[in-house]
Amino acid sequence: MFGLGTQELLIILFIAFLLFGAKRLPEIGAGLGKGIRSFKQALREADVQEEVEKIEKTEGAQAQQA
């Protein structure tokens, strides 16, 4: 993951633990998880909207030809 090994990840986690404390880390993780989930949902909705627009455009072109 990002070219980081186990030792590097443990060092980063330890530094985060020192900076934020044990009580804040779960809150930060939960907030980060919600943000990522929201971002992925927005991407999926954009893809669905794009597909709907393609279908409507195709149906509109077929209706004009008929």
Protein backbone atom coordinates (compact mmCIF):
# COMPACT_ATOMS: atom_id res chain seq x y z
CA MET A 1 0.00 0.00 0.00
CA PHE A 2 1.66 3.22 -1.24
CA GLY A 3 5.04 1.50 -1.06
CA LEU A 4 4.92 1.42 2.74
CA GLY A 5 5.97 -1.64 4.68
CA THR A 6 4.69 -2.90 7.98
CA GLN A 7 7.32 -1.06 10.00
CA GLU A 8 6.53 2.27 8.34
CA LEU A 9 2.80 1.84 8.95
CA LEU A 10 3.42 1.01 12.62
CA ILE A 11 5.59 4.11 13.04
CA ILE A 12 2.92 6.30 11.42
CA LEU A 13 0.24 4.77 13.67
CA PHE A 14 2.41 5.35 16.74
CA ILE A 15 2.98 9.01 15.81
CA ALA A 16 -0.74 9.49 15.20
CA PHE A 17 -1.42 7.91 18.59
CA LEU A 18 0.98 10.35 20.24
CA LEU A 19 -0.45 13.38 18.43
CA PHE A 20 -4.15 12.69 18.82
CA GLY A 21 -4.43 10.37 21.79
CA ALA A 22 -6.32 7.14 22.21
CA LYS A 23 -9.76 8.77 22.49
CA ARG A 24 -9.51 10.81 19.30
CA LEU A 25 -8.20 8.08 16.96
CA PRO A 26 -11.53 6.19 16.70
CA GLU A 27 -13.33 9.47 16.01
CA ILE A 28 -10.85 10.39 13.30
CA GLY A 29 -11.13 6.91 11.77
CA ALA A 30 -14.92 7.04 11.80
CA GLY A 31 -14.93 10.48 10.18
CA LEU A 32 -12.48 9.35 7.54
CA GLY A 33 -14.58 6.26 6.82
CA LYS A 34 -17.76 8.33 6.45
CA GLY A 35 -15.98 10.72 4.11
CA ILE A 36 -14.70 7.91 1.90
CA ARG A 37 -18.13 6.24 1.87
CA SER A 38 -19.78 9.53 0.89
CA PHE A 39 -17.24 10.10 -1.89
CA LYS A 40 -17.79 6.61 -3.33
CA GLN A 41 -21.57 7.07 -3.20
CA ALA A 42 -21.29 10.37 -5.07
CA LEU A 43 -19.18 8.68 -7.76
CA ARG A 44 -21.75 5.90 -8.15
CA GLU A 45 -24.58 8.43 -8.41
CA ALA A 46 -22.66 10.36 -11.07
CA ASP A 47 -22.16 7.15 -13.06
CA VAL A 48 -25.85 6.30 -12.83
CA GLN A 49 -26.83 9.83 -13.91
CA GLU A 50 -24.45 9.59 -16.87
CA GLU A 51 -26.01 6.27 -17.95
CA VAL A 52 -29.52 7.73 -17.66
CA GLU A 53 -28.52 10.68 -19.84
CA LYS A 54 -27.06 8.33 -22.47
CA ILE A 55 -30.25 6.26 -22.53
CA GLU A 56 -32.45 9.36 -22.79
CA LYS A 57 -30.30 10.72 -25.61
CA THR A 58 -30.49 7.40 -27.49
CA GLU A 59 -34.26 7.17 -27.02
CA GLY A 60 -34.69 10.77 -28.15
CA ALA A 61 -32.68 10.12 -31.32
CA GLN A 62 -34.72 6.98 -32.07
CA ALA A 63 -37.99 8.88 -31.56
CA GLN A 64 -36.91 11.59 -33.99
CA GLN A 65 -36.03 9.01 -36.64
CA ALA A 66 -39.43 7.34 -36.40
